[in-house]
Amino acid sequence: MAKIPEITAGNLKRYVEQGLHPGQFLASVLANNVFGAFEYADDENRKAIGELIAEIKKKPGGCWGSQERVSEWIRHRGMEGIV
């Protein structure tokens, strides 16, 4: 399995912690939008998508699963907005 690209891992971290928009590819993965994820993925991310999904499943359930959850997570500034 391919390793998650460093920039994608950083975007995921900032999204979870601060609610920063993670970019179209990662936002699509977080929202379970398979077509969008593959449309926006570069070669490295396409190869690592399985690893990325496994990593996302370790994150708080409120930050992934649908477009509505992703939008709310961003609106609430991620974990910073929860505490």
PDB file of N, CA and C in Angstrom:
ATOM      1  N   MET A   1       0.841  -1.176   0.000  1.00  0.00           N
ATOM      2  CA  MET A   1       0.000   0.000   0.000  1.00  0.00           C
ATOM      3  C   MET A   1       0.889   1.243   0.000  1.00  0.00           C
ATOM      4  N   ALA A   2       0.523   2.241  -0.801  1.00  0.00           N
ATOM      5  CA  ALA A   2       1.316   3.463  -0.915  1.00  0.00           C
ATOM      6  C   ALA A   2       1.142   4.345   0.312  1.00  0.00           C
ATOM      7  N   LYS A   3       2.180   5.066   0.623  1.00  0.00           N
ATOM      8  CA  LYS A   3       2.168   5.978   1.765  1.00  0.00           C
ATOM      9  C   LYS A   3       1.380   7.246   1.404  1.00  0.00           C
ATOM     10  N   ILE A   4       0.665   7.793   2.380  1.00  0.00           N
ATOM     11  CA  ILE A   4      -0.075   9.037   2.175  1.00  0.00           C
ATOM     12  C   ILE A   4       0.936  10.155   1.913  1.00  0.00           C
ATOM     13  N   PRO A   5       0.754  10.915   0.837  1.00  0.00           N
ATOM     14  CA  PRO A   5       1.680  12.017   0.570  1.00  0.00           C
ATOM     15  C   PRO A   5       1.719  13.003   1.745  1.00  0.00           C
ATOM     16  N   GLU A   6       2.893  13.541   1.999  1.00  0.00           N
ATOM     17  CA  GLU A   6       3.095  14.434   3.139  1.00  0.00           C
ATOM     18  C   GLU A   6       2.142  15.628   3.114  1.00  0.00           C
ATOM     19  N   ILE A   7       1.940  16.211   1.955  1.00  0.00           N
ATOM     20  CA  ILE A   7       1.052  17.382   1.874  1.00  0.00           C
ATOM     21  C   ILE A   7      -0.387  17.003   2.222  1.00  0.00           C
ATOM     22  N   THR A   8      -0.823  15.823   1.813  1.00  0.00           N
ATOM     23  CA  THR A   8      -2.177  15.363   2.120  1.00  0.00           C
ATOM     24  C   THR A   8      -2.313  15.085   3.608  1.00  0.00           C
ATOM     25  N   ALA A   9      -1.309  14.451   4.200  1.00  0.00           N
ATOM     26  CA  ALA A   9      -1.335  14.193   5.639  1.00  0.00           C
ATOM     27  C   ALA A   9      -1.390  15.505   6.416  1.00  0.00           C
ATOM     28  N   GLY A  10      -0.641  16.505   5.978  1.00  0.00           N
ATOM     29  CA  GLY A  10      -0.659  17.808   6.629  1.00  0.00           C
ATOM     30  C   GLY A  10      -2.010  18.496   6.491  1.00  0.00           C
ATOM     31  N   ASN A  11      -2.599  18.399   5.301  1.00  0.00           N
ATOM     32  CA  ASN A  11      -3.928  18.978   5.086  1.00  0.00           C
ATOM     33  C   ASN A  11      -4.974  18.303   5.970  1.00  0.00           C
ATOM     34  N   LEU A  12      -4.882  16.987   6.121  1.00  0.00           N
ATOM     35  CA  LEU A  12      -5.813  16.256   6.978  1.00  0.00           C
ATOM     36  C   LEU A  12      -5.654  16.696   8.436  1.00  0.00           C
ATOM     37  N   LYS A  13      -4.415  16.831   8.885  1.00  0.00           N
ATOM     38  CA  LYS A  13      -4.147  17.259  10.262  1.00  0.00           C
ATOM     39  C   LYS A  13      -4.737  18.640  10.526  1.00  0.00           C
ATOM     40  N   ARG A  14      -4.494  19.587   9.628  1.00  0.00           N
ATOM     41  CA  ARG A  14      -5.014  20.950   9.798  1.00  0.00           C
ATOM     42  C   ARG A  14      -6.541  20.982   9.718  1.00  0.00           C
ATOM     43  N   TYR A  15      -7.115  20.139   8.871  1.00  0.00           N
ATOM     44  CA  TYR A  15      -8.578  20.056   8.774  1.00  0.00           C
ATOM     45  C   TYR A  15      -9.165  19.562  10.101  1.00  0.00           C
ATOM     46  N   VAL A  16      -8.621  18.472  10.633  1.00  0.00           N
ATOM     47  CA  VAL A  16      -9.150  17.900  11.873  1.00  0.00           C
ATOM     48  C   VAL A  16      -8.955  18.870  13.036  1.00  0.00           C
ATOM     49  N   GLU A  17      -7.770  19.415  13.165  1.00  0.00           N
ATOM     50  CA  GLU A  17      -7.468  20.257  14.317  1.00  0.00           C
ATOM     51  C   GLU A  17      -8.086  21.653  14.240  1.00  0.00           C
ATOM     52  N   GLN A  18      -8.037  22.276  13.052  1.00  0.00           N
ATOM     53  CA  GLN A  18      -8.430  23.679  12.925  1.00  0.00           C
ATOM     54  C   GLN A  18      -9.651  23.910  12.039  1.00  0.00           C
ATOM     55  N   GLY A  19     -10.109  22.867  11.376  1.00  0.00           N
ATOM     56  CA  GLY A  19     -11.249  23.021  10.478  1.00  0.00           C
ATOM     57  C   GLY A  19     -10.907  23.742   9.191  1.00  0.00           C
ATOM     58  N   LEU A  20      -9.630  23.753   8.804  1.00  0.00           N
ATOM     59  CA  LEU A  20      -9.234  24.399   7.558  1.00  0.00           C
ATOM     60  C   LEU A  20      -9.669  23.537   6.371  1.00  0.00           C
ATOM     61  N   HIS A  21     -10.163  24.190   5.327  1.00  0.00           N
ATOM     62  CA  HIS A  21     -10.611  23.427   4.150  1.00  0.00           C
ATOM     63  C   HIS A  21      -9.438  22.612   3.630  1.00  0.00           C
ATOM     64  N   PRO A  22      -9.631  21.307   3.428  1.00  0.00           N
ATOM     65  CA  PRO A  22      -8.515  20.431   3.078  1.00  0.00           C
ATOM     66  C   PRO A  22      -8.204  20.334   1.595  1.00  0.00           C
ATOM     67  N   GLY A  23      -8.915  21.052   0.749  1.00  0.00           N
ATOM     68  CA  GLY A  23      -8.738  20.926  -0.691  1.00  0.00           C
ATOM     69  C   GLY A  23      -9.786  19.989  -1.267  1.00  0.00           C
ATOM     70  N   GLN A  24      -9.984  20.078  -2.572  1.00  0.00           N
ATOM     71  CA  GLN A  24     -11.066  19.334  -3.218  1.00  0.00           C
ATOM     72  C   GLN A  24     -10.912  17.820  -3.117  1.00  0.00           C
ATOM     73  N   PHE A  25      -9.698  17.323  -3.314  1.00  0.00           N
ATOM     74  CA  PHE A  25      -9.493  15.871  -3.249  1.00  0.00           C
ATOM     75  C   PHE A  25      -9.843  15.334  -1.863  1.00  0.00           C
ATOM     76  N   LEU A  26      -9.211  15.880  -0.840  1.00  0.00           N
ATOM     77  CA  LEU A  26      -9.405  15.373   0.515  1.00  0.00           C
ATOM     78  C   LEU A  26     -10.829  15.623   1.001  1.00  0.00           C
ATOM     79  N   ALA A  27     -11.410  16.763   0.647  1.00  0.00           N
ATOM     80  CA  ALA A  27     -12.803  17.037   1.021  1.00  0.00           C
ATOM     81  C   ALA A  27     -13.725  15.999   0.407  1.00  0.00           C
ATOM     82  N   SER A  28     -13.443  15.589  -0.818  1.00  0.00           N
ATOM     83  CA  SER A  28     -14.253  14.560  -1.474  1.00  0.00           C
ATOM     84  C   SER A  28     -14.125  13.219  -0.768  1.00  0.00           C
ATOM     85  N   VAL A  29     -12.907  12.850  -0.373  1.00  0.00           N
ATOM     86  CA  VAL A  29     -12.705  11.594   0.353  1.00  0.00           C
ATOM     87  C   VAL A  29     -13.452  11.645   1.686  1.00  0.00           C
ATOM     88  N   LEU A  30     -13.292  12.736   2.418  1.00  0.00           N
ATOM     89  CA  LEU A  30     -13.954  12.889   3.722  1.00  0.00           C
ATOM     90  C   LEU A  30     -15.469  12.811   3.600  1.00  0.00           C
ATOM     91  N   ALA A  31     -16.010  13.298   2.491  1.00  0.00           N
ATOM     92  CA  ALA A  31     -17.460  13.321   2.284  1.00  0.00           C
ATOM     93  C   ALA A  31     -17.986  12.047   1.626  1.00  0.00           C
ATOM     94  N   ASN A  32     -17.137  11.045   1.445  1.00  0.00           N
ATOM     95  CA  ASN A  32     -17.523   9.792   0.783  1.00  0.00           C
ATOM     96  C   ASN A  32     -17.965  10.007  -0.662  1.00  0.00           C
ATOM     97  N   ASN A  33     -17.355  10.978  -1.324  1.00  0.00           N
ATOM     98  CA  ASN A  33     -17.644  11.266  -2.727  1.00  0.00           C
ATOM     99  C   ASN A  33     -16.560  10.603  -3.575  1.00  0.00           C
ATOM    100  N   VAL A  34     -16.791   9.364  -3.941  1.00  0.00           N
ATOM    101  CA  VAL A  34     -15.791   8.578  -4.673  1.00  0.00           C
ATOM    102  C   VAL A  34     -15.466   9.203  -6.020  1.00  0.00           C
ATOM    103  N   PHE A  35     -16.476   9.645  -6.738  1.00  0.00           N
ATOM    104  CA  PHE A  35     -16.239  10.227  -8.053  1.00  0.00           C
ATOM    105  C   PHE A  35     -15.396  11.502  -7.943  1.00  0.00           C
ATOM    106  N   GLY A  36     -15.723  12.355  -6.976  1.00  0.00           N
ATOM    107  CA  GLY A  36     -14.946  13.569  -6.764  1.00  0.00           C
ATOM    108  C   GLY A  36     -13.526  13.264  -6.339  1.00  0.00           C
ATOM    109  N   ALA A  37     -13.371  12.287  -5.457  1.00  0.00           N
ATOM    110  CA  ALA A  37     -12.032  11.924  -4.983  1.00  0.00           C
ATOM    111  C   ALA A  37     -11.142  11.511  -6.148  1.00  0.00           C
ATOM    112  N   PHE A  38     -11.635  10.685  -7.039  1.00  0.00           N
ATOM    113  CA  PHE A  38     -10.812  10.246  -8.159  1.00  0.00           C
ATOM    114  C   PHE A  38     -10.642  11.335  -9.209  1.00  0.00           C
ATOM    115  N   GLU A  39     -11.604  12.211  -9.318  1.00  0.00           N
ATOM    116  CA  GLU A  39     -11.483  13.325 -10.261  1.00  0.00           C
ATOM    117  C   GLU A  39     -10.361  14.278  -9.837  1.00  0.00           C
ATOM    118  N   TYR A  40     -10.254  14.566  -8.538  1.00  0.00           N
ATOM    119  CA  TYR A  40      -9.279  15.535  -8.034  1.00  0.00           C
ATOM    120  C   TYR A  40      -7.946  14.914  -7.619  1.00  0.00           C
ATOM    121  N   ALA A  41      -7.858  13.604  -7.550  1.00  0.00           N
ATOM    122  CA  ALA A  41      -6.633  12.949  -7.068  1.00  0.00           C
ATOM    123  C   ALA A  41      -5.505  13.034  -8.092  1.00  0.00           C
ATOM    124  N   ASP A  42      -4.313  13.273  -7.590  1.00  0.00           N
ATOM    125  CA  ASP A  42      -3.134  13.127  -8.436  1.00  0.00           C
ATOM    126  C   ASP A  42      -2.682  11.666  -8.333  1.00  0.00           C
ATOM    127  N   ASP A  43      -1.646  11.300  -9.039  1.00  0.00           N
ATOM    128  CA  ASP A  43      -1.207   9.901  -9.058  1.00  0.00           C
ATOM    129  C   ASP A  43      -0.833   9.381  -7.669  1.00  0.00           C
ATOM    130  N   GLU A  44      -0.122  10.201  -6.890  1.00  0.00           N
ATOM    131  CA  GLU A  44       0.296   9.760  -5.551  1.00  0.00           C
ATOM    132  C   GLU A  44      -0.910   9.508  -4.645  1.00  0.00           C
ATOM    133  N   ASN A  45      -1.854  10.438  -4.645  1.00  0.00           N
ATOM    134  CA  ASN A  45      -3.036  10.281  -3.794  1.00  0.00           C
ATOM    135  C   ASN A  45      -3.913   9.133  -4.270  1.00  0.00           C
ATOM    136  N   ARG A  46      -4.006   8.940  -5.562  1.00  0.00           N
ATOM    137  CA  ARG A  46      -4.814   7.842  -6.094  1.00  0.00           C
ATOM    138  C   ARG A  46      -4.258   6.502  -5.601  1.00  0.00           C
ATOM    139  N   LYS A  47      -2.946   6.374  -5.581  1.00  0.00           N
ATOM    140  CA  LYS A  47      -2.315   5.131  -5.122  1.00  0.00           C
ATOM    141  C   LYS A  47      -2.489   4.926  -3.615  1.00  0.00           C
ATOM    142  N   ALA A  48      -2.595   6.017  -2.863  1.00  0.00           N
ATOM    143  CA  ALA A  48      -2.636   5.939  -1.397  1.00  0.00           C
ATOM    144  C   ALA A  48      -4.051   6.056  -0.836  1.00  0.00           C
ATOM    145  N   ILE A  49      -5.055   6.022  -1.680  1.00  0.00           N
ATOM    146  CA  ILE A  49      -6.417   6.297  -1.202  1.00  0.00           C
ATOM    147  C   ILE A  49      -6.878   5.290  -0.136  1.00  0.00           C
ATOM    148  N   GLY A  50      -6.510   4.047  -0.256  1.00  0.00           N
ATOM    149  CA  GLY A  50      -6.879   3.049   0.752  1.00  0.00           C
ATOM    150  C   GLY A  50      -6.262   3.357   2.106  1.00  0.00           C
ATOM    151  N   GLU A  51      -5.001   3.729   2.102  1.00  0.00           N
ATOM    152  CA  GLU A  51      -4.297   4.108   3.328  1.00  0.00           C
ATOM    153  C   GLU A  51      -4.917   5.373   3.925  1.00  0.00           C
ATOM    154  N   LEU A  52      -5.276   6.314   3.063  1.00  0.00           N
ATOM    155  CA  LEU A  52      -5.896   7.553   3.524  1.00  0.00           C
ATOM    156  C   LEU A  52      -7.246   7.291   4.181  1.00  0.00           C
ATOM    157  N   ILE A  53      -8.037   6.441   3.589  1.00  0.00           N
ATOM    158  CA  ILE A  53      -9.341   6.094   4.169  1.00  0.00           C
ATOM    159  C   ILE A  53      -9.153   5.435   5.532  1.00  0.00           C
ATOM    160  N   ALA A  54      -8.189   4.541   5.637  1.00  0.00           N
ATOM    161  CA  ALA A  54      -7.915   3.895   6.932  1.00  0.00           C
ATOM    162  C   ALA A  54      -7.524   4.931   7.978  1.00  0.00           C
ATOM    163  N   GLU A  55      -6.754   5.929   7.586  1.00  0.00           N
ATOM    164  CA  GLU A  55      -6.351   6.990   8.515  1.00  0.00           C
ATOM    165  C   GLU A  55      -7.540   7.867   8.904  1.00  0.00           C
ATOM    166  N   ILE A  56      -8.386   8.197   7.950  1.00  0.00           N
ATOM    167  CA  ILE A  56      -9.569   9.021   8.231  1.00  0.00           C
ATOM    168  C   ILE A  56     -10.500   8.310   9.208  1.00  0.00           C
ATOM    169  N   LYS A  57     -10.623   7.011   9.102  1.00  0.00           N
ATOM    170  CA  LYS A  57     -11.513   6.259   9.996  1.00  0.00           C
ATOM    171  C   LYS A  57     -11.063   6.338  11.458  1.00  0.00           C
ATOM    172  N   LYS A  58      -9.820   6.735  11.702  1.00  0.00           N
ATOM    173  CA  LYS A  58      -9.302   6.901  13.064  1.00  0.00           C
ATOM    174  C   LYS A  58      -9.657   8.277  13.644  1.00  0.00           C
ATOM    175  N   LYS A  59     -10.148   9.164  12.795  1.00  0.00           N
ATOM    176  CA  LYS A  59     -10.449  10.534  13.209  1.00  0.00           C
ATOM    177  C   LYS A  59     -11.856  10.603  13.790  1.00  0.00           C
ATOM    178  N   PRO A  60     -12.177  11.705  14.495  1.00  0.00           N
ATOM    179  CA  PRO A  60     -13.530  11.831  15.063  1.00  0.00           C
ATOM    180  C   PRO A  60     -14.609  11.652  13.991  1.00  0.00           C
ATOM    181  N   GLY A  61     -15.637  10.880  14.321  1.00  0.00           N
ATOM    182  CA  GLY A  61     -16.695  10.576  13.357  1.00  0.00           C
ATOM    183  C   GLY A  61     -17.442  11.786  12.852  1.00  0.00           C
ATOM    184  N   GLY A  62     -17.438  12.861  13.610  1.00  0.00           N
ATOM    185  CA  GLY A  62     -18.139  14.062  13.179  1.00  0.00           C
ATOM    186  C   GLY A  62     -17.457  14.804  12.056  1.00  0.00           C
ATOM    187  N   CYS A  63     -16.219  14.453  11.737  1.00  0.00           N
ATOM    188  CA  CYS A  63     -15.488  15.204  10.715  1.00  0.00           C
ATOM    189  C   CYS A  63     -15.491  14.527   9.348  1.00  0.00           C
ATOM    190  N   TRP A  64     -16.120  13.398   9.227  1.00  0.00           N
ATOM    191  CA  TRP A  64     -16.143  12.718   7.932  1.00  0.00           C
ATOM    192  C   TRP A  64     -17.439  11.931   7.781  1.00  0.00           C
ATOM    193  N   GLY A  65     -17.755  11.554   6.562  1.00  0.00           N
ATOM    194  CA  GLY A  65     -18.916  10.703   6.310  1.00  0.00           C
ATOM    195  C   GLY A  65     -19.914  11.280   5.335  1.00  0.00           C
ATOM    196  N   SER A  66     -19.997  12.607   5.246  1.00  0.00           N
ATOM    197  CA  SER A  66     -20.921  13.248   4.304  1.00  0.00           C
ATOM    198  C   SER A  66     -20.463  14.681   4.068  1.00  0.00           C
ATOM    199  N   GLN A  67     -20.982  15.282   3.018  1.00  0.00           N
ATOM    200  CA  GLN A  67     -20.655  16.673   2.730  1.00  0.00           C
ATOM    201  C   GLN A  67     -21.135  17.578   3.860  1.00  0.00           C
ATOM    202  N   GLU A  68     -22.273  17.253   4.451  1.00  0.00           N
ATOM    203  CA  GLU A  68     -22.805  18.057   5.548  1.00  0.00           C
ATOM    204  C   GLU A  68     -21.863  18.026   6.753  1.00  0.00           C
ATOM    205  N   ARG A  69     -21.333  16.862   7.075  1.00  0.00           N
ATOM    206  CA  ARG A  69     -20.402  16.762   8.210  1.00  0.00           C
ATOM    207  C   ARG A  69     -19.121  17.548   7.947  1.00  0.00           C
ATOM    208  N   VAL A  70     -18.615  17.446   6.731  1.00  0.00           N
ATOM    209  CA  VAL A  70     -17.396  18.177   6.379  1.00  0.00           C
ATOM    210  C   VAL A  70     -17.644  19.679   6.489  1.00  0.00           C
ATOM    211  N   SER A  71     -18.751  20.151   5.953  1.00  0.00           N
ATOM    212  CA  SER A  71     -19.088  21.582   6.005  1.00  0.00           C
ATOM    213  C   SER A  71     -19.236  22.061   7.445  1.00  0.00           C
ATOM    214  N   GLU A  72     -19.900  21.272   8.273  1.00  0.00           N
ATOM    215  CA  GLU A  72     -20.070  21.634   9.686  1.00  0.00           C
ATOM    216  C   GLU A  72     -18.733  21.653  10.410  1.00  0.00           C
ATOM    217  N   TRP A  73     -17.876  20.693  10.116  1.00  0.00           N
ATOM    218  CA  TRP A  73     -16.564  20.630  10.771  1.00  0.00           C
ATOM    219  C   TRP A  73     -15.761  21.886  10.450  1.00  0.00           C
ATOM    220  N   ILE A  74     -15.810  22.304   9.209  1.00  0.00           N
ATOM    221  CA  ILE A  74     -15.107  23.517   8.795  1.00  0.00           C
ATOM    222  C   ILE A  74     -15.741  24.734   9.486  1.00  0.00           C
ATOM    223  N   ARG A  75     -17.062  24.781   9.505  1.00  0.00           N
ATOM    224  CA  ARG A  75     -17.776  25.914  10.111  1.00  0.00           C
ATOM    225  C   ARG A  75     -17.438  26.054  11.599  1.00  0.00           C
ATOM    226  N   HIS A  76     -17.270  24.933  12.287  1.00  0.00           N
ATOM    227  CA  HIS A  76     -16.987  24.941  13.722  1.00  0.00           C
ATOM    228  C   HIS A  76     -15.494  24.999  14.048  1.00  0.00           C
ATOM    229  N   ARG A  77     -14.650  25.143  13.003  1.00  0.00           N
ATOM    230  CA  ARG A  77     -13.198  25.247  13.184  1.00  0.00           C
ATOM    231  C   ARG A  77     -12.574  23.983  13.777  1.00  0.00           C
ATOM    232  N   GLY A  78     -13.086  22.823  13.391  1.00  0.00           N
ATOM    233  CA  GLY A  78     -12.476  21.561  13.794  1.00  0.00           C
ATOM    234  C   GLY A  78     -12.460  21.342  15.286  1.00  0.00           C
ATOM    235  N   MET A  79     -11.433  20.664  15.758  1.00  0.00           N
ATOM    236  CA  MET A  79     -11.300  20.356  17.187  1.00  0.00           C
ATOM    237  C   MET A  79     -11.196  21.647  18.019  1.00  0.00           C
ATOM    238  N   GLU A  80     -10.615  22.690  17.438  1.00  0.00           N
ATOM    239  CA  GLU A  80     -10.505  23.959  18.161  1.00  0.00           C
ATOM    240  C   GLU A  80     -11.880  24.487  18.560  1.00  0.00           C
ATOM    241  N   GLY A  81     -12.877  24.258  17.715  1.00  0.00           N
ATOM    242  CA  GLY A  81     -14.225  24.740  17.996  1.00  0.00           C
ATOM    243  C   GLY A  81     -14.987  23.864  18.957  1.00  0.00           C
ATOM    244  N   ILE A  82     -14.491  22.668  19.213  1.00  0.00           N
ATOM    245  CA  ILE A  82     -15.171  21.733  20.103  1.00  0.00           C
ATOM    246  C   ILE A  82     -14.795  22.000  21.556  1.00  0.00           C
ATOM    247  N   VAL A  83     -13.530  22.315  21.804  1.00  0.00           N
ATOM    248  CA  VAL A  83     -13.069  22.522  23.179  1.00  0.00           C
ATOM    249  C   VAL A  83     -13.297  23.921  23.681  1.00  0.00           C
TER     250      VAL A  83
END
